[in-house]
Amino acid sequence: MVKYGLFAVFIMGVLPLPGFLFTIAGFVGGHFGIPYFKYFLAGFTGRLVRNVIYTVGVLYTLERTGWEI
């Protein structure tokens, strides 16, 4: 967290990890003085990227199988 900071928070947001690990990252980020808004923005962006990847994957799969929404 000291070396990578917000990039580590972003990666933790992208990876499908359990919620308590993301909470631990918040505690560590607070300990090292990462501002709340920057932490929130990095975490939100990471989760947004993850959910876009999931959505594109589901839509691609539905298109390939011929199912309709």
C-alpha atoms as a PDB file:
ATOM      1  CA  MET A   1       0.000   0.000   0.000  1.00  0.00           C
ATOM      2  CA  VAL A   2       2.893   2.349   0.712  1.00  0.00           C
ATOM      3  CA  LYS A   3       4.593   1.732  -2.625  1.00  0.00           C
ATOM      4  CA  TYR A   4       1.580   1.501  -4.952  1.00  0.00           C
ATOM      5  CA  GLY A   5      -1.121   3.362  -3.020  1.00  0.00           C
ATOM      6  CA  LEU A   6      -4.175   4.171  -5.130  1.00  0.00           C
ATOM      7  CA  PHE A   7      -3.158   1.746  -7.870  1.00  0.00           C
ATOM      8  CA  ALA A   8      -3.375  -1.085  -5.318  1.00  0.00           C
ATOM      9  CA  VAL A   9      -6.858   0.096  -4.317  1.00  0.00           C
ATOM     10  CA  PHE A  10      -7.877   0.177  -7.987  1.00  0.00           C
ATOM     11  CA  ILE A  11      -6.575  -3.370  -8.579  1.00  0.00           C
ATOM     12  CA  MET A  12      -8.380  -4.609  -5.466  1.00  0.00           C
ATOM     13  CA  GLY A  13     -11.562  -3.079  -6.878  1.00  0.00           C
ATOM     14  CA  VAL A  14     -11.112  -4.840 -10.213  1.00  0.00           C
ATOM     15  CA  LEU A  15     -10.355  -8.260  -8.758  1.00  0.00           C
ATOM     16  CA  PRO A  16     -13.322 -10.338  -7.568  1.00  0.00           C
ATOM     17  CA  LEU A  17     -12.282 -10.384  -3.911  1.00  0.00           C
ATOM     18  CA  PRO A  18     -14.558 -10.741  -0.887  1.00  0.00           C
ATOM     19  CA  GLY A  19     -15.725  -7.440   0.588  1.00  0.00           C
ATOM     20  CA  PHE A  20     -13.789  -7.776   3.840  1.00  0.00           C
ATOM     21  CA  LEU A  21     -10.463  -7.632   1.966  1.00  0.00           C
ATOM     22  CA  PHE A  22     -11.503  -4.333   0.398  1.00  0.00           C
ATOM     23  CA  THR A  23     -12.419  -3.096   3.883  1.00  0.00           C
ATOM     24  CA  ILE A  24      -8.979  -4.078   5.163  1.00  0.00           C
ATOM     25  CA  ALA A  25      -7.474  -2.087   2.269  1.00  0.00           C
ATOM     26  CA  GLY A  26      -9.527   0.887   3.474  1.00  0.00           C
ATOM     27  CA  PHE A  27      -8.134   0.563   6.987  1.00  0.00           C
ATOM     28  CA  VAL A  28      -4.580   0.339   5.662  1.00  0.00           C
ATOM     29  CA  GLY A  29      -5.145   3.273   3.306  1.00  0.00           C
ATOM     30  CA  GLY A  30      -6.469   5.351   6.180  1.00  0.00           C
ATOM     31  CA  HIS A  31      -3.485   4.428   8.288  1.00  0.00           C
ATOM     32  CA  PHE A  32      -1.101   5.633   5.584  1.00  0.00           C
ATOM     33  CA  GLY A  33      -3.031   8.854   5.066  1.00  0.00           C
ATOM     34  CA  ILE A  34      -4.721   8.307   1.703  1.00  0.00           C
ATOM     35  CA  PRO A  35      -7.484  10.934   1.432  1.00  0.00           C
ATOM     36  CA  TYR A  36     -11.019   9.521   1.546  1.00  0.00           C
ATOM     37  CA  PHE A  37     -12.127  11.007  -1.771  1.00  0.00           C
ATOM     38  CA  LYS A  38      -9.128   9.606  -3.654  1.00  0.00           C
ATOM     39  CA  TYR A  39      -9.641   6.184  -2.045  1.00  0.00           C
ATOM     40  CA  PHE A  40     -13.335   6.286  -2.937  1.00  0.00           C
ATOM     41  CA  LEU A  41     -12.599   7.327  -6.515  1.00  0.00           C
ATOM     42  CA  ALA A  42      -9.992   4.580  -7.025  1.00  0.00           C
ATOM     43  CA  GLY A  43     -12.249   1.910  -5.509  1.00  0.00           C
ATOM     44  CA  PHE A  44     -15.300   3.073  -7.448  1.00  0.00           C
ATOM     45  CA  THR A  45     -13.373   3.142 -10.720  1.00  0.00           C
ATOM     46  CA  GLY A  46     -12.028  -0.358 -10.095  1.00  0.00           C
ATOM     47  CA  ARG A  47     -15.463  -1.764  -9.371  1.00  0.00           C
ATOM     48  CA  LEU A  48     -16.903   0.069 -12.392  1.00  0.00           C
ATOM     49  CA  VAL A  49     -14.284  -1.532 -14.652  1.00  0.00           C
ATOM     50  CA  ARG A  50     -15.010  -4.953 -13.144  1.00  0.00           C
ATOM     51  CA  ASN A  51     -18.753  -4.614 -13.685  1.00  0.00           C
ATOM     52  CA  VAL A  52     -18.303  -3.399 -17.267  1.00  0.00           C
ATOM     53  CA  ILE A  53     -16.142  -6.457 -17.979  1.00  0.00           C
ATOM     54  CA  TYR A  54     -18.813  -8.724 -16.462  1.00  0.00           C
ATOM     55  CA  THR A  55     -21.571  -7.051 -18.473  1.00  0.00           C
ATOM     56  CA  VAL A  56     -19.691  -7.252 -21.761  1.00  0.00           C
ATOM     57  CA  GLY A  57     -18.935 -10.912 -21.077  1.00  0.00           C
ATOM     58  CA  VAL A  58     -22.572 -11.744 -20.367  1.00  0.00           C
ATOM     59  CA  LEU A  59     -23.810  -9.870 -23.435  1.00  0.00           C
ATOM     60  CA  TYR A  60     -21.208 -11.584 -25.610  1.00  0.00           C
ATOM     61  CA  THR A  61     -22.191 -14.991 -24.233  1.00  0.00           C
ATOM     62  CA  LEU A  62     -25.893 -14.337 -24.786  1.00  0.00           C
ATOM     63  CA  GLU A  63     -25.195 -13.227 -28.350  1.00  0.00           C
ATOM     64  CA  ARG A  64     -23.094 -16.315 -29.108  1.00  0.00           C
ATOM     65  CA  THR A  65     -25.685 -18.728 -27.683  1.00  0.00           C
ATOM     66  CA  GLY A  66     -28.630 -17.070 -29.431  1.00  0.00           C
ATOM     67  CA  TRP A  67     -30.488 -16.249 -26.226  1.00  0.00           C
ATOM     68  CA  GLU A  68     -32.274 -12.944 -25.950  1.00  0.00           C
ATOM     69  CA  ILE A  69     -32.675 -10.668 -22.976  1.00  0.00           C
END
